[in-house]
C-alpha atoms as a PDB file:
ATOM      1  CA  MET A   1    -166.487 -70.292-126.414  1.00  0.00           C
ATOM      2  CA  LEU A   2    -166.712 -66.634-127.355  1.00  0.00           C
ATOM      3  CA  SER A   3    -163.819 -65.232-129.381  1.00  0.00           C
ATOM      4  CA  VAL A   4    -161.939 -62.274-127.909  1.00  0.00           C
ATOM      5  CA  PHE A   5    -163.739 -59.901-130.233  1.00  0.00           C
ATOM      6  CA  ARG A   6    -167.208 -61.428-129.615  1.00  0.00           C
ATOM      7  CA  LEU A   7    -166.662 -61.172-125.910  1.00  0.00           C
ATOM      8  CA  ARG A   8    -165.521 -57.526-126.175  1.00  0.00           C
ATOM      9  CA  ALA A   9    -168.476 -56.717-128.424  1.00  0.00           C
ATOM     10  CA  LYS A  10    -170.895 -58.362-126.036  1.00  0.00           C
ATOM     11  CA  LEU A  11    -169.520 -56.430-123.065  1.00  0.00           C
ATOM     12  CA  GLN A  12    -169.849 -53.192-125.027  1.00  0.00           C
ATOM     13  CA  GLY A  13    -173.378 -54.075-126.173  1.00  0.00           C
ATOM     14  CA  LYS A  14    -172.487 -53.919-129.845  1.00  0.00           C
ATOM     15  CA  GLN A  15    -173.057 -56.257-132.786  1.00  0.00           C
ATOM     16  CA  VAL A  16    -169.956 -58.223-133.609  1.00  0.00           C
ATOM     17  CA  ASN A  17    -169.645 -57.038-137.179  1.00  0.00           C
ATOM     18  CA  ALA A  18    -170.611 -53.361-136.527  1.00  0.00           C
ATOM     19  CA  LEU A  19    -168.191 -50.725-137.749  1.00  0.00           C
ATOM     20  CA  SER A  20    -168.206 -47.068-136.736  1.00  0.00           C
ATOM     21  CA  PRO A  21    -169.524 -44.746-139.448  1.00  0.00           C
ATOM     22  CA  GLN A  22    -165.963 -43.533-140.050  1.00  0.00           C
ATOM     23  CA  LYS A  23    -164.620 -47.003-140.541  1.00  0.00           C
ATOM     24  CA  LYS A  24    -167.426 -47.973-142.889  1.00  0.00           C
ATOM     25  CA  ALA A  25    -165.720 -45.563-145.323  1.00  0.00           C
ATOM     26  CA  LEU A  26    -163.148 -48.316-145.872  1.00  0.00           C
ATOM     27  CA  LEU A  27    -165.707 -50.351-147.705  1.00  0.00           C
ATOM     28  CA  THR A  28    -165.668 -47.605-150.392  1.00  0.00           C
ATOM     29  CA  PRO A  29    -162.191 -47.420-151.865  1.00  0.00           C
ATOM     30  CA  PHE A  30    -159.957 -44.587-150.706  1.00  0.00           C
ATOM     31  CA  LYS A  31    -159.881 -41.712-153.160  1.00  0.00           C
ATOM     32  CA  LYS A  32    -157.339 -42.164-155.914  1.00  0.00           C
ATOM     33  CA  GLY A  33    -155.312 -39.096-156.914  1.00  0.00           C
ATOM     34  CA  GLY A  34    -156.462 -36.984-153.996  1.00  0.00           C
ATOM     35  CA  THR A  35    -154.680 -36.047-150.789  1.00  0.00           C
ATOM     36  CA  PRO A  36    -152.142 -38.832-150.181  1.00  0.00           C
ATOM     37  CA  ILE A  37    -153.210 -41.594-147.792  1.00  0.00           C
ATOM     38  CA  VAL A  38    -151.275 -41.665-144.535  1.00  0.00           C
ATOM     39  CA  CYS A  39    -150.624 -45.164-143.264  1.00  0.00           C
ATOM     40  CA  LEU A  40    -148.397 -46.498-140.434  1.00  0.00           C
ATOM     41  CA  THR A  41    -147.910 -49.861-138.844  1.00  0.00           C
ATOM     42  CA  ALA A  42    -149.173 -50.363-135.285  1.00  0.00           C
ATOM     43  CA  TYR A  43    -148.979 -53.378-132.978  1.00  0.00           C
ATOM     44  CA  THR A  44    -150.247 -52.248-129.546  1.00  0.00           C
ATOM     45  CA  THR A  45    -153.209 -50.415-128.056  1.00  0.00           C
ATOM     46  CA  PRO A  46    -151.322 -47.462-126.555  1.00  0.00           C
ATOM     47  CA  MET A  47    -149.576 -46.729-129.843  1.00  0.00           C
ATOM     48  CA  ALA A  48    -152.840 -47.100-131.822  1.00  0.00           C
ATOM     49  CA  ARG A  49    -154.424 -44.500-129.564  1.00  0.00           C
ATOM     50  CA  LEU A  50    -151.588 -42.064-130.344  1.00  0.00           C
ATOM     51  CA  LEU A  51    -151.618 -42.681-134.110  1.00  0.00           C
ATOM     52  CA  ASP A  52    -155.383 -42.967-134.657  1.00  0.00           C
ATOM     53  CA  PRO A  53    -156.156 -39.195-134.865  1.00  0.00           C
ATOM     54  CA  LEU A  54    -153.255 -38.561-137.201  1.00  0.00           C
ATOM     55  CA  VAL A  55    -153.426 -41.286-139.857  1.00  0.00           C
ATOM     56  CA  ASP A  56    -155.909 -42.526-142.436  1.00  0.00           C
ATOM     57  CA  LEU A  57    -155.150 -46.200-142.030  1.00  0.00           C
ATOM     58  CA  LEU A  58    -153.433 -48.449-139.513  1.00  0.00           C
ATOM     59  CA  LEU A  59    -151.683 -51.605-140.729  1.00  0.00           C
ATOM     60  CA  VAL A  60    -150.958 -54.461-138.310  1.00  0.00           C
ATOM     61  CA  GLY A  61    -148.064 -55.747-140.368  1.00  0.00           C
ATOM     62  CA  ASP A  62    -146.455 -59.134-140.005  1.00  0.00           C
ATOM     63  CA  SER A  63    -143.324 -56.988-139.650  1.00  0.00           C
ATOM     64  CA  LEU A  64    -144.197 -57.385-135.943  1.00  0.00           C
ATOM     65  CA  GLY A  65    -142.278 -60.663-136.110  1.00  0.00           C
ATOM     66  CA  MET A  66    -139.071 -58.693-136.641  1.00  0.00           C
ATOM     67  CA  VAL A  67    -139.981 -55.480-134.761  1.00  0.00           C
ATOM     68  CA  LEU A  68    -141.446 -57.052-131.624  1.00  0.00           C
ATOM     69  CA  TYR A  69    -140.319 -60.652-131.527  1.00  0.00           C
ATOM     70  CA  GLY A  70    -136.861 -60.410-132.956  1.00  0.00           C
ATOM     71  CA  PHE A  71    -137.278 -62.865-135.797  1.00  0.00           C
ATOM     72  CA  GLU A  72    -134.961 -62.564-138.782  1.00  0.00           C
ATOM     73  CA  ASN A  73    -137.913 -62.316-141.153  1.00  0.00           C
ATOM     74  CA  THR A  74    -141.701 -62.519-141.143  1.00  0.00           C
ATOM     75  CA  LEU A  75    -142.028 -66.206-141.920  1.00  0.00           C
ATOM     76  CA  PRO A  76    -142.430 -67.490-138.312  1.00  0.00           C
ATOM     77  CA  VAL A  77    -145.367 -65.153-137.627  1.00  0.00           C
ATOM     78  CA  THR A  78    -148.576 -67.054-136.809  1.00  0.00           C
ATOM     79  CA  LEU A  79    -152.275 -66.378-137.295  1.00  0.00           C
ATOM     80  CA  ASP A  80    -152.710 -66.195-133.510  1.00  0.00           C
ATOM     81  CA  MET A  81    -150.026 -63.481-133.268  1.00  0.00           C
ATOM     82  CA  MET A  82    -151.733 -61.410-135.963  1.00  0.00           C
ATOM     83  CA  ILE A  83    -155.145 -61.811-134.306  1.00  0.00           C
ATOM     84  CA  ALA A  84    -153.840 -60.808-130.898  1.00  0.00           C
ATOM     85  CA  HIS A  85    -152.057 -57.704-132.138  1.00  0.00           C
ATOM     86  CA  GLY A  86    -154.898 -56.871-134.529  1.00  0.00           C
ATOM     87  CA  ALA A  87    -157.325 -56.896-131.603  1.00  0.00           C
ATOM     88  CA  ALA A  88    -154.948 -54.760-129.530  1.00  0.00           C
ATOM     89  CA  VAL A  89    -154.715 -52.135-132.301  1.00  0.00           C
ATOM     90  CA  GLU A  90    -158.456 -52.216-132.896  1.00  0.00           C
ATOM     91  CA  ARG A  91    -159.078 -51.414-129.217  1.00  0.00           C
ATOM     92  CA  GLY A  92    -157.034 -48.224-129.657  1.00  0.00           C
ATOM     93  CA  ALA A  93    -158.364 -47.135-133.032  1.00  0.00           C
ATOM     94  CA  HIS A  94    -161.629 -45.259-133.147  1.00  0.00           C
ATOM     95  CA  LYS A  95    -161.244 -43.362-136.439  1.00  0.00           C
ATOM     96  CA  ALA A  96    -158.686 -45.112-138.678  1.00  0.00           C
ATOM     97  CA  PRO A  97    -159.634 -48.439-140.258  1.00  0.00           C
ATOM     98  CA  VAL A  98    -157.383 -51.299-139.222  1.00  0.00           C
ATOM     99  CA  VAL A  99    -155.939 -53.709-141.788  1.00  0.00           C
ATOM    100  CA  VAL A 100    -154.290 -56.966-140.618  1.00  0.00           C
ATOM    101  CA  ASP A 101    -151.639 -58.854-142.588  1.00  0.00           C
ATOM    102  CA  MET A 102    -152.453 -62.470-143.387  1.00  0.00           C
ATOM    103  CA  PRO A 103    -149.290 -64.281-142.265  1.00  0.00           C
ATOM    104  CA  PHE A 104    -147.151 -66.658-144.309  1.00  0.00           C
ATOM    105  CA  GLY A 105    -148.825 -70.022-145.164  1.00  0.00           C
ATOM    106  CA  THR A 106    -152.365 -69.051-144.167  1.00  0.00           C
ATOM    107  CA  TYR A 107    -153.912 -68.080-147.481  1.00  0.00           C
ATOM    108  CA  ASP A 108    -151.945 -69.615-150.349  1.00  0.00           C
ATOM    109  CA  LYS A 109    -153.006 -73.245-150.279  1.00  0.00           C
ATOM    110  CA  SER A 110    -156.601 -72.691-151.472  1.00  0.00           C
ATOM    111  CA  PRO A 111    -159.207 -69.947-151.698  1.00  0.00           C
ATOM    112  CA  ASP A 112    -161.343 -71.766-149.138  1.00  0.00           C
ATOM    113  CA  GLU A 113    -158.505 -71.929-146.622  1.00  0.00           C
ATOM    114  CA  ALA A 114    -157.779 -68.267-147.192  1.00  0.00           C
ATOM    115  CA  LEU A 115    -161.449 -67.394-146.608  1.00  0.00           C
ATOM    116  CA  ARG A 116    -161.600 -69.462-143.435  1.00  0.00           C
ATOM    117  CA  ASN A 117    -158.526 -67.854-141.987  1.00  0.00           C
ATOM    118  CA  ALA A 118    -159.436 -64.293-143.121  1.00  0.00           C
ATOM    119  CA  ARG A 119    -162.877 -64.633-141.543  1.00  0.00           C
ATOM    120  CA  ARG A 120    -161.224 -65.736-138.307  1.00  0.00           C
ATOM    121  CA  VAL A 121    -158.870 -62.753-138.351  1.00  0.00           C
ATOM    122  CA  MET A 122    -161.749 -60.301-138.909  1.00  0.00           C
ATOM    123  CA  ARG A 123    -164.073 -61.968-136.395  1.00  0.00           C
ATOM    124  CA  GLU A 124    -161.561 -62.270-133.582  1.00  0.00           C
ATOM    125  CA  SER A 125    -159.613 -59.038-134.070  1.00  0.00           C
ATOM    126  CA  GLY A 126    -162.501 -56.765-135.197  1.00  0.00           C
ATOM    127  CA  CYS A 127    -160.344 -55.366-138.031  1.00  0.00           C
ATOM    128  CA  SER A 128    -161.842 -53.750-141.151  1.00  0.00           C
ATOM    129  CA  ALA A 129    -159.845 -55.702-143.760  1.00  0.00           C
ATOM    130  CA  VAL A 130    -156.939 -58.060-144.382  1.00  0.00           C
ATOM    131  CA  LYS A 131    -153.850 -57.766-146.571  1.00  0.00           C
ATOM    132  CA  CYS A 132    -152.424 -60.511-148.777  1.00  0.00           C
ATOM    133  CA  GLU A 133    -149.113 -60.582-150.668  1.00  0.00           C
ATOM    134  CA  GLY A 134    -148.856 -61.817-154.204  1.00  0.00           C
ATOM    135  CA  GLY A 135    -149.708 -61.149-157.835  1.00  0.00           C
ATOM    136  CA  GLN A 136    -151.551 -62.981-160.586  1.00  0.00           C
ATOM    137  CA  GLU A 137    -151.291 -66.291-158.725  1.00  0.00           C
ATOM    138  CA  MET A 138    -153.312 -64.824-155.867  1.00  0.00           C
ATOM    139  CA  ALA A 139    -156.004 -63.095-157.936  1.00  0.00           C
ATOM    140  CA  ALA A 140    -158.510 -65.976-157.757  1.00  0.00           C
ATOM    141  CA  THR A 141    -158.045 -66.132-153.975  1.00  0.00           C
ATOM    142  CA  LEU A 142    -158.595 -62.415-153.544  1.00  0.00           C
ATOM    143  CA  HIS A 143    -161.678 -62.533-155.721  1.00  0.00           C
ATOM    144  CA  HIS A 144    -163.051 -65.405-153.572  1.00  0.00           C
ATOM    145  CA  LEU A 145    -162.500 -63.324-150.436  1.00  0.00           C
ATOM    146  CA  ARG A 146    -164.245 -60.307-151.919  1.00  0.00           C
ATOM    147  CA  GLN A 147    -167.156 -62.381-153.150  1.00  0.00           C
ATOM    148  CA  ASN A 148    -167.604 -63.592-149.595  1.00  0.00           C
ATOM    149  CA  GLY A 149    -167.539 -60.150-147.939  1.00  0.00           C
ATOM    150  CA  VAL A 150    -163.901 -59.863-146.897  1.00  0.00           C
ATOM    151  CA  PRO A 151    -162.308 -56.515-147.871  1.00  0.00           C
ATOM    152  CA  VAL A 152    -158.733 -57.090-149.105  1.00  0.00           C
ATOM    153  CA  MET A 153    -155.658 -54.947-149.624  1.00  0.00           C
ATOM    154  CA  GLY A 154    -153.167 -56.297-152.171  1.00  0.00           C
ATOM    155  CA  HIS A 155    -149.397 -56.209-152.039  1.00  0.00           C
ATOM    156  CA  VAL A 156    -147.025 -56.437-155.039  1.00  0.00           C
ATOM    157  CA  GLY A 157    -143.372 -55.809-155.773  1.00  0.00           C
ATOM    158  CA  LEU A 158    -140.998 -56.933-153.040  1.00  0.00           C
ATOM    159  CA  LEU A 159    -142.835 -59.629-151.098  1.00  0.00           C
ATOM    160  CA  PRO A 160    -141.273 -60.258-147.670  1.00  0.00           C
ATOM    161  CA  GLN A 161    -143.061 -63.586-147.338  1.00  0.00           C
ATOM    162  CA  SER A 162    -141.334 -64.818-150.536  1.00  0.00           C
ATOM    163  CA  ILE A 163    -137.730 -64.009-149.661  1.00  0.00           C
ATOM    164  CA  LYS A 164    -136.730 -67.670-149.738  1.00  0.00           C
ATOM    165  CA  GLN A 165    -137.801 -67.849-153.379  1.00  0.00           C
ATOM    166  CA  THR A 166    -136.430 -64.456-154.412  1.00  0.00           C
ATOM    167  CA  GLY A 167    -133.146 -64.666-152.549  1.00  0.00           C
ATOM    168  CA  GLY A 168    -133.712 -61.912-150.030  1.00  0.00           C
ATOM    169  CA  TYR A 169    -134.892 -58.320-149.810  1.00  0.00           C
ATOM    170  CA  LYS A 170    -134.000 -57.211-153.314  1.00  0.00           C
ATOM    171  CA  ILE A 171    -135.419 -54.161-155.104  1.00  0.00           C
ATOM    172  CA  GLN A 172    -137.773 -55.314-157.844  1.00  0.00           C
ATOM    173  CA  GLY A 173    -138.477 -54.144-161.372  1.00  0.00           C
ATOM    174  CA  ARG A 174    -134.942 -53.250-162.488  1.00  0.00           C
ATOM    175  CA  ASP A 175    -135.344 -55.100-165.797  1.00  0.00           C
ATOM    176  CA  GLU A 176    -138.161 -54.887-168.336  1.00  0.00           C
ATOM    177  CA  ALA A 177    -139.420 -58.431-167.795  1.00  0.00           C
ATOM    178  CA  SER A 178    -139.790 -58.124-164.016  1.00  0.00           C
ATOM    179  CA  ALA A 179    -141.293 -54.648-164.391  1.00  0.00           C
ATOM    180  CA  GLN A 180    -143.925 -55.957-166.798  1.00  0.00           C
ATOM    181  CA  LYS A 181    -144.771 -58.818-164.470  1.00  0.00           C
ATOM    182  CA  ILE A 182    -145.333 -56.438-161.574  1.00  0.00           C
ATOM    183  CA  ILE A 183    -147.604 -54.251-163.661  1.00  0.00           C
ATOM    184  CA  ALA A 184    -149.533 -57.358-164.713  1.00  0.00           C
ATOM    185  CA  ASP A 185    -149.715 -58.469-161.066  1.00  0.00           C
ATOM    186  CA  ALA A 186    -151.049 -55.059-160.019  1.00  0.00           C
ATOM    187  CA  LYS A 187    -153.731 -55.095-162.700  1.00  0.00           C
ATOM    188  CA  GLU A 188    -154.878 -58.590-161.791  1.00  0.00           C
ATOM    189  CA  ILE A 189    -155.097 -57.781-158.056  1.00  0.00           C
ATOM    190  CA  ALA A 190    -157.093 -54.619-158.779  1.00  0.00           C
ATOM    191  CA  ALA A 191    -159.419 -56.545-161.094  1.00  0.00           C
ATOM    192  CA  ALA A 192    -159.903 -59.221-158.375  1.00  0.00           C
ATOM    193  CA  GLY A 193    -161.432 -56.581-156.138  1.00  0.00           C
ATOM    194  CA  ALA A 194    -158.700 -55.262-153.854  1.00  0.00           C
ATOM    195  CA  PHE A 195    -159.621 -51.814-152.407  1.00  0.00           C
ATOM    196  CA  ALA A 196    -155.990 -50.664-152.349  1.00  0.00           C
ATOM    197  CA  LEU A 197    -152.545 -51.938-153.264  1.00  0.00           C
ATOM    198  CA  VAL A 198    -149.264 -51.816-151.333  1.00  0.00           C
ATOM    199  CA  VAL A 199    -146.312 -51.350-153.748  1.00  0.00           C
ATOM    200  CA  GLU A 200    -143.083 -52.276-151.925  1.00  0.00           C
ATOM    201  CA  GLY A 201    -139.435 -52.106-152.893  1.00  0.00           C
ATOM    202  CA  VAL A 202    -139.631 -51.339-156.596  1.00  0.00           C
ATOM    203  CA  VAL A 203    -137.733 -48.822-158.699  1.00  0.00           C
ATOM    204  CA  GLU A 204    -139.373 -45.390-158.672  1.00  0.00           C
ATOM    205  CA  PRO A 205    -140.473 -45.200-162.357  1.00  0.00           C
ATOM    206  CA  LEU A 206    -142.237 -48.560-162.031  1.00  0.00           C
ATOM    207  CA  ALA A 207    -144.081 -47.510-158.861  1.00  0.00           C
ATOM    208  CA  ARG A 208    -145.205 -44.385-160.723  1.00  0.00           C
ATOM    209  CA  ARG A 209    -146.338 -46.512-163.719  1.00  0.00           C
ATOM    210  CA  VAL A 210    -148.264 -48.967-161.506  1.00  0.00           C
ATOM    211  CA  THR A 211    -150.046 -46.059-159.875  1.00  0.00           C
ATOM    212  CA  GLU A 212    -151.056 -44.737-163.283  1.00  0.00           C
ATOM    213  CA  VAL A 213    -152.419 -47.991-164.646  1.00  0.00           C
ATOM    214  CA  VAL A 214    -154.434 -49.382-161.736  1.00  0.00           C
ATOM    215  CA  PRO A 215    -157.806 -47.892-160.766  1.00  0.00           C
ATOM    216  CA  ILE A 216    -157.339 -48.382-157.048  1.00  0.00           C
ATOM    217  CA  PRO A 217    -155.086 -46.385-154.703  1.00  0.00           C
ATOM    218  CA  THR A 218    -151.478 -47.468-154.345  1.00  0.00           C
ATOM    219  CA  ILE A 219    -149.655 -47.171-151.033  1.00  0.00           C
ATOM    220  CA  GLY A 220    -145.940 -47.013-151.422  1.00  0.00           C
ATOM    221  CA  ILE A 221    -143.121 -48.227-149.209  1.00  0.00           C
ATOM    222  CA  GLY A 222    -139.742 -47.866-150.848  1.00  0.00           C
ATOM    223  CA  ALA A 223    -141.570 -46.967-154.033  1.00  0.00           C
ATOM    224  CA  SER A 224    -142.469 -43.431-155.171  1.00  0.00           C
ATOM    225  CA  LYS A 225    -144.025 -40.198-153.915  1.00  0.00           C
ATOM    226  CA  ALA A 226    -146.348 -40.536-156.909  1.00  0.00           C
ATOM    227  CA  CYS A 227    -148.178 -43.341-155.082  1.00  0.00           C
ATOM    228  CA  ASP A 228    -151.600 -42.457-153.711  1.00  0.00           C
ATOM    229  CA  GLY A 229    -150.328 -42.951-150.167  1.00  0.00           C
ATOM    230  CA  GLN A 230    -147.352 -43.933-148.081  1.00  0.00           C
ATOM    231  CA  VAL A 231    -146.742 -46.419-145.289  1.00  0.00           C
ATOM    232  CA  LEU A 232    -143.765 -46.862-142.990  1.00  0.00           C
ATOM    233  CA  VAL A 233    -142.935 -49.277-140.182  1.00  0.00           C
ATOM    234  CA  LEU A 234    -143.442 -47.229-137.067  1.00  0.00           C
ATOM    235  CA  ASN A 235    -140.164 -48.265-135.425  1.00  0.00           C
ATOM    236  CA  ASP A 236    -138.278 -47.037-138.491  1.00  0.00           C
ATOM    237  CA  LEU A 237    -140.036 -43.672-138.305  1.00  0.00           C
ATOM    238  CA  LEU A 238    -139.293 -43.312-134.589  1.00  0.00           C
ATOM    239  CA  GLY A 239    -135.611 -44.214-134.830  1.00  0.00           C
ATOM    240  CA  LEU A 240    -135.917 -47.494-132.957  1.00  0.00           C
ATOM    241  CA  THR A 241    -134.516 -49.707-135.708  1.00  0.00           C
ATOM    242  CA  GLU A 242    -130.778 -50.503-135.505  1.00  0.00           C
ATOM    243  CA  LYS A 243    -130.297 -50.730-139.277  1.00  0.00           C
ATOM    244  CA  PRO A 244    -133.343 -49.143-140.981  1.00  0.00           C
ATOM    245  CA  PRO A 245    -133.839 -49.644-144.723  1.00  0.00           C
ATOM    246  CA  ARG A 246    -132.806 -46.917-147.106  1.00  0.00           C
ATOM    247  CA  PHE A 247    -136.444 -45.920-147.873  1.00  0.00           C
ATOM    248  CA  ALA A 248    -137.242 -45.211-144.210  1.00  0.00           C
ATOM    249  CA  LYS A 249    -136.961 -41.722-142.761  1.00  0.00           C
ATOM    250  CA  ASN A 250    -136.294 -41.109-139.052  1.00  0.00           C
ATOM    251  CA  TYR A 251    -138.726 -38.435-137.926  1.00  0.00           C
ATOM    252  CA  ALA A 252    -137.533 -38.945-134.360  1.00  0.00           C
ATOM    253  CA  THR A 253    -134.556 -40.619-132.713  1.00  0.00           C
ATOM    254  CA  LEU A 254    -136.006 -42.266-129.650  1.00  0.00           C
ATOM    255  CA  ALA A 255    -133.432 -45.028-129.024  1.00  0.00           C
ATOM    256  CA  PRO A 256    -130.950 -42.694-127.237  1.00  0.00           C
ATOM    257  CA  VAL A 257    -133.840 -41.017-125.328  1.00  0.00           C
ATOM    258  CA  ILE A 258    -134.903 -44.385-123.984  1.00  0.00           C
ATOM    259  CA  THR A 259    -131.380 -45.373-123.137  1.00  0.00           C
ATOM    260  CA  ALA A 260    -130.797 -42.094-121.254  1.00  0.00           C
ATOM    261  CA  ALA A 261    -134.043 -42.457-119.276  1.00  0.00           C
ATOM    262  CA  VAL A 262    -133.304 -46.066-118.246  1.00  0.00           C
ATOM    263  CA  LYS A 263    -129.730 -45.076-117.307  1.00  0.00           C
ATOM    264  CA  ILE A 264    -130.995 -42.384-114.927  1.00  0.00           C
ATOM    265  CA  TYR A 265    -133.589 -44.808-113.485  1.00  0.00           C
ATOM    266  CA  ALA A 266    -130.926 -47.433-112.862  1.00  0.00           C
ATOM    267  CA  GLU A 267    -128.694 -44.878-111.172  1.00  0.00           C
ATOM    268  CA  ASP A 268    -131.554 -43.682-108.963  1.00  0.00           C
ATOM    269  CA  VAL A 269    -132.438 -47.243-107.902  1.00  0.00           C
ATOM    270  CA  ARG A 270    -128.825 -48.142-107.056  1.00  0.00           C
ATOM    271  CA  ALA A 271    -128.369 -44.903-105.108  1.00  0.00           C
ATOM    272  CA  ARG A 272    -131.741 -45.405-103.317  1.00  0.00           C
ATOM    273  CA  ARG A 273    -133.084 -42.136-104.704  1.00  0.00           C
ATOM    274  CA  PHE A 274    -136.024 -43.992-106.116  1.00  0.00           C
ATOM    275  CA  PRO A 275    -138.722 -44.452-104.952  1.00  0.00           C
ATOM    276  CA  GLY A 276    -138.958 -41.097-103.145  1.00  0.00           C
ATOM    277  CA  PRO A 277    -141.501 -40.111-100.455  1.00  0.00           C
ATOM    278  CA  GLU A 278    -143.931 -39.015-103.224  1.00  0.00           C
ATOM    279  CA  HIS A 279    -143.902 -42.503-104.778  1.00  0.00           C
ATOM    280  CA  VAL A 280    -144.797 -44.584-101.696  1.00  0.00           C
ATOM    281  CA  TYR A 281    -147.922 -44.952 -99.547  1.00  0.00           C
ATOM    282  CA  GLY A 282    -148.142 -44.113 -95.848  1.00  0.00           C
ATOM    283  CA  VAL A 283    -150.501 -45.462 -93.185  1.00  0.00           C
ATOM    284  CA  LYS A 284    -153.534 -43.234 -92.641  1.00  0.00           C
END
């Protein structure tokens, strides 16, 4: 049976692994120290179409478990979920490369398991790369992925998939020992072949230091403006999160706009003002 991406590629008359010339640029690392990289999460085709001309990178984050599905954390997210949403975003992205998170429990057992699952994500979603959380303990796995043609983005600092071990969403690097570990993690992930590195939820001086010592671009979230780029969860940016984290900035406040629109719609329906003559079809 053809995968979703193979079927779409066949219908479009394209090779399965073909990337547009713009997206091939992902295979060469983003420029470090240049204009900051603009990254946002996306989960659906319509939103990807809106974001694509404006950003450098689209991340299909496992945050979709909380943003779209209402989970308390990202741990219940499955590989099938990530593939489905990755494919949806890929259909709407024509310029920006799409990176898909590898969900919890799909890449930590062995390098071969990670490769098998990463290949499936790329094959069925059509994405340009995958992202894996973890530090020195994941370096061999990331190296294995890179050796087998899978572009990988790393992720150090606060690791949402490890909250059961760390005791929750706690800012990392407040003491010298943990700061040195994160620096060592970042260096190992860079040496393993990651093309970029997400630095999440660490104290600002540490994020700045990590950016200085690794040769690949860092993308901060709750980190530092000194990072080579920034990423936010789209719903936080749009004001659709009930309790956004401190590091998020609302560039719009859409929740009350949506509430007001639905309130007017409900009133129109109950008063039989909608649908009007212009919304229905007559007999010719």
